[in-house]
Amino acid sequence: MAESTSFPGTVEWSGENPGISLKQDPNGPFTAMASFFRVILSPHGRGHALVLAQAPGQASAENVVLTDNEPLARWLVANYLSHFAAWRGLPCLPALRYVKADRFSPSGDPTSSYSETVRGGDLTVALTWSGLGKPFCFAHPPENSATGAHWMPSLFIGCDQASITVNGKVLPGQPVPRLVAGQPISTAMLAFAETWVRP
């Protein structure tokens, strides 16, 4: 019988982290970005956080974090999101505004079209993924992970189209192609069953 695959170390958090990063020019910078966290286990308990950058290249009040657990959200931004390749070094990160959110609503079917809607303060934000591909599961070694320091066994689903809608206004831009674990997806994907383990 084959031995089980294990990931020795400390489980730091587990949950979901789908995201959408859009460009108006495929060769230019990202013009709108969203990273959504639904965490079921962490040092700061359970919670949700939507990091929304309507102006990633600026320290703007339009860049917010909608959350029902601010200590968790700040920890995720400082220790994880700020290390992700698309987000690393962006001017929006130090100036993020944290807003209390009161509703997080998933809907749809991850085999075809899926959405997350978040309401907080004077904002209603809808993230939508469509043209979803075949799910695949992978685990990069720590040196190749998004932080460069964790095992991250995950289930990803790529998509052809995605949108970020803020108070009824669809932000401009489209996801662009990329590869993850040898799979052709885009800069918008569903990421379920993520577990971050520090060796």
Protein backbone atom coordinates (compact mmCIF):
# COMPACT_ATOMS: atom_id res chain seq x y z
CA MET A 1 0.00 0.00 0.00
CA ALA A 2 1.32 3.46 -0.90
CA GLU A 3 2.16 5.77 1.96
CA SER A 4 0.01 8.80 2.66
CA THR A 5 1.18 12.23 1.56
CA SER A 6 1.74 14.48 4.53
CA PHE A 7 2.72 18.12 4.98
CA PRO A 8 4.75 18.37 8.18
CA GLY A 9 4.63 21.63 10.05
CA THR A 10 2.10 24.03 11.56
CA VAL A 11 -1.26 24.61 9.90
CA GLU A 12 -1.61 28.40 9.95
CA TRP A 13 -4.99 28.74 8.27
CA SER A 14 -7.44 26.87 6.11
CA GLY A 15 -10.32 27.98 3.94
CA GLU A 16 -11.02 29.59 0.56
CA ASN A 17 -9.22 32.34 -1.35
CA PRO A 18 -10.70 32.97 -4.81
CA GLY A 19 -9.48 36.04 -6.64
CA ILE A 20 -9.89 38.27 -9.66
CA SER A 21 -7.20 40.49 -11.19
CA LEU A 22 -8.15 42.51 -14.27
CA LYS A 23 -6.22 44.40 -16.94
CA GLN A 24 -7.41 46.84 -19.58
CA ASP A 25 -4.17 46.32 -21.52
CA PRO A 26 -2.96 42.69 -21.49
CA ASN A 27 0.63 43.97 -21.36
CA GLY A 28 -0.04 46.65 -18.76
CA PRO A 29 -0.56 46.68 -14.99
CA PHE A 30 -3.59 45.31 -13.19
CA THR A 31 -6.29 47.97 -13.05
CA ALA A 32 -8.73 46.31 -10.60
CA MET A 33 -8.13 43.48 -8.13
CA ALA A 34 -10.06 41.51 -5.55
CA SER A 35 -8.98 38.74 -3.22
CA PHE A 36 -11.67 37.04 -1.15
CA PHE A 37 -10.97 35.01 2.00
CA ARG A 38 -13.36 32.66 3.79
CA VAL A 39 -11.33 31.26 6.70
CA ILE A 40 -12.50 28.37 8.86
CA LEU A 41 -9.37 27.94 11.01
CA SER A 42 -6.66 30.45 11.99
CA PRO A 43 -4.95 31.96 15.06
CA HIS A 44 -7.56 34.73 14.81
CA GLY A 45 -10.56 32.44 14.50
CA ARG A 46 -13.04 32.22 11.67
CA GLY A 47 -14.00 35.06 9.38
CA HIS A 48 -14.20 36.67 5.97
CA ALA A 49 -12.25 39.39 4.21
CA LEU A 50 -12.61 40.93 0.77
CA VAL A 51 -9.59 42.96 -0.27
CA LEU A 52 -10.76 45.28 -3.04
CA ALA A 53 -8.31 47.45 -5.00
CA GLN A 54 -10.11 49.70 -7.45
CA ALA A 55 -6.86 51.62 -7.90
CA PRO A 56 -4.03 49.13 -7.17
CA GLY A 57 -1.32 51.59 -8.14
CA GLN A 58 -2.49 54.34 -5.80
CA ALA A 59 -2.93 55.01 -2.09
CA SER A 60 -6.63 55.69 -2.63
CA ALA A 61 -9.72 55.59 -0.40
CA GLU A 62 -11.26 53.33 -3.06
CA ASN A 63 -9.02 50.51 -1.84
CA VAL A 64 -10.78 48.75 1.04
CA VAL A 65 -11.02 45.57 3.05
CA LEU A 66 -14.56 44.48 3.89
CA THR A 67 -14.41 42.12 6.85
CA ASP A 68 -16.26 40.65 9.82
CA ASN A 69 -12.99 39.94 11.67
CA GLU A 70 -10.53 42.84 11.37
CA PRO A 71 -7.61 41.22 13.27
CA LEU A 72 -7.85 38.22 10.93
CA ALA A 73 -8.06 40.46 7.86
CA ARG A 74 -5.01 42.51 8.87
CA TRP A 75 -3.06 39.30 9.56
CA LEU A 76 -3.97 37.85 6.15
CA VAL A 77 -2.95 41.04 4.32
CA ALA A 78 0.35 41.41 6.19
CA ASN A 79 1.44 37.77 6.14
CA TYR A 80 -0.09 36.37 2.95
CA LEU A 81 -1.65 38.74 0.42
CA SER A 82 1.26 41.18 0.49
CA HIS A 83 3.53 38.31 -0.63
CA PHE A 84 1.35 37.18 -3.56
CA ALA A 85 3.06 37.97 -6.88
CA ALA A 86 0.26 40.17 -8.27
CA TRP A 87 -0.07 42.17 -5.03
CA ARG A 88 3.54 42.40 -3.86
CA GLY A 89 4.74 45.99 -3.48
CA LEU A 90 1.52 47.64 -4.64
CA PRO A 91 1.02 51.21 -3.35
CA CYS A 92 -2.56 50.36 -2.35
CA LEU A 93 -1.56 47.92 0.39
CA PRO A 94 -0.24 50.26 3.13
CA ALA A 95 -3.26 52.56 2.73
CA LEU A 96 -6.06 49.97 2.77
CA ARG A 97 -9.19 51.15 4.58
CA TYR A 98 -10.88 48.50 6.79
CA VAL A 99 -14.69 48.49 6.74
CA LYS A 100 -17.06 46.39 8.84
CA ALA A 101 -19.04 44.02 6.61
CA ASP A 102 -22.36 42.50 7.55
CA ARG A 103 -23.12 40.04 4.76
CA PHE A 104 -21.15 37.53 2.70
CA SER A 105 -23.27 35.59 0.21
CA PRO A 106 -21.98 32.89 -2.17
CA SER A 107 -24.19 31.79 -5.05
CA GLY A 108 -24.09 29.78 -8.25
CA ASP A 109 -22.35 26.55 -9.16
CA PRO A 110 -18.55 26.22 -9.32
CA THR A 111 -18.92 24.01 -12.40
CA SER A 112 -20.35 26.83 -14.53
CA SER A 113 -20.79 30.28 -12.90
CA TYR A 114 -20.12 31.32 -9.31
CA SER A 115 -20.27 34.56 -7.32
CA GLU A 116 -19.53 36.10 -3.94
CA THR A 117 -21.45 39.20 -2.85
CA VAL A 118 -20.23 41.28 0.09
CA ARG A 119 -22.06 44.17 1.77
CA GLY A 120 -20.53 46.59 4.24
CA GLY A 121 -20.77 50.31 4.94
CA ASP A 122 -22.00 51.98 1.76
CA LEU A 123 -20.57 49.25 -0.49
CA THR A 124 -22.04 46.22 -2.22
CA VAL A 125 -19.39 44.27 -4.10
CA ALA A 126 -20.08 41.29 -6.35
CA LEU A 127 -17.34 39.03 -7.68
CA THR A 128 -18.39 36.71 -10.52
CA TRP A 129 -16.49 33.92 -12.24
CA SER A 130 -17.86 32.28 -15.41
CA GLY A 131 -16.68 29.89 -18.11
CA LEU A 132 -15.25 27.72 -15.34
CA GLY A 133 -12.83 24.94 -16.20
CA LYS A 134 -12.00 21.54 -14.80
CA PRO A 135 -11.04 21.52 -11.09
CA PHE A 136 -7.49 20.44 -10.28
CA CYS A 137 -5.66 19.82 -7.04
CA PHE A 138 -1.98 20.54 -6.41
CA ALA A 139 0.57 21.43 -3.76
CA HIS A 140 3.68 23.48 -4.51
CA PRO A 141 6.73 22.98 -2.28
CA PRO A 142 7.22 25.93 0.09
CA GLU A 143 9.89 27.61 -2.04
CA ASN A 144 7.47 27.75 -5.00
CA SER A 145 4.37 28.76 -3.05
CA ALA A 146 2.74 32.19 -3.14
CA THR A 147 4.58 33.22 0.05
CA GLY A 148 7.77 31.25 -0.57
CA ALA A 149 7.40 29.76 2.92
CA HIS A 150 4.37 27.43 3.04
CA TRP A 151 3.00 24.19 1.77
CA MET A 152 -0.35 25.05 0.19
CA PRO A 153 -2.41 22.04 -0.91
CA SER A 154 -5.34 23.53 -2.83
CA LEU A 155 -8.15 22.95 -5.27
CA PHE A 156 -8.23 25.50 -8.10
CA ILE A 157 -10.79 26.14 -10.83
CA GLY A 158 -9.80 28.48 -13.63
CA CYS A 159 -12.21 30.61 -15.63
CA ASP A 160 -12.49 32.43 -18.96
CA GLN A 161 -14.38 35.48 -17.73
CA ALA A 162 -14.69 37.34 -14.43
CA SER A 163 -16.04 40.64 -13.18
CA ILE A 164 -15.89 42.92 -10.16
CA THR A 165 -19.03 45.01 -9.63
CA VAL A 166 -19.11 47.83 -7.06
CA ASN A 167 -22.49 49.37 -6.23
CA GLY A 168 -23.83 48.20 -9.57
CA LYS A 169 -20.89 49.47 -11.62
CA VAL A 170 -18.76 46.87 -13.42
CA LEU A 171 -15.07 47.73 -13.13
CA PRO A 172 -13.21 47.77 -16.46
CA GLY A 173 -10.77 45.07 -17.49
CA GLN A 174 -10.46 41.38 -18.19
CA PRO A 175 -8.47 38.53 -16.66
CA VAL A 176 -5.39 37.49 -18.62
CA PRO A 177 -4.02 33.98 -19.20
CA ARG A 178 -1.48 32.37 -16.90
CA LEU A 179 -0.26 28.94 -15.80
CA VAL A 180 -0.65 27.40 -12.34
CA ALA A 181 0.88 23.98 -11.64
CA GLY A 182 1.13 23.46 -15.40
CA GLN A 183 -2.58 24.19 -15.90
CA PRO A 184 -3.65 27.00 -18.27
CA ILE A 185 -5.99 29.26 -16.29
CA SER A 186 -6.20 33.05 -15.92
CA THR A 187 -5.68 35.78 -13.35
CA ALA A 188 -9.18 35.00 -12.07
CA MET A 189 -9.78 31.67 -10.37
CA LEU A 190 -11.67 29.89 -7.65
CA ALA A 191 -9.42 28.55 -4.91
CA PHE A 192 -11.12 26.19 -2.48
CA ALA A 193 -9.81 23.88 0.25
CA GLU A 194 -6.63 25.90 0.71
CA THR A 195 -4.53 24.94 3.72
CA TRP A 196 -1.37 26.90 4.51
CA VAL A 197 1.25 24.89 6.40
CA ARG A 198 4.52 26.39 7.61
CA PRO A 199 7.28 23.72 7.73
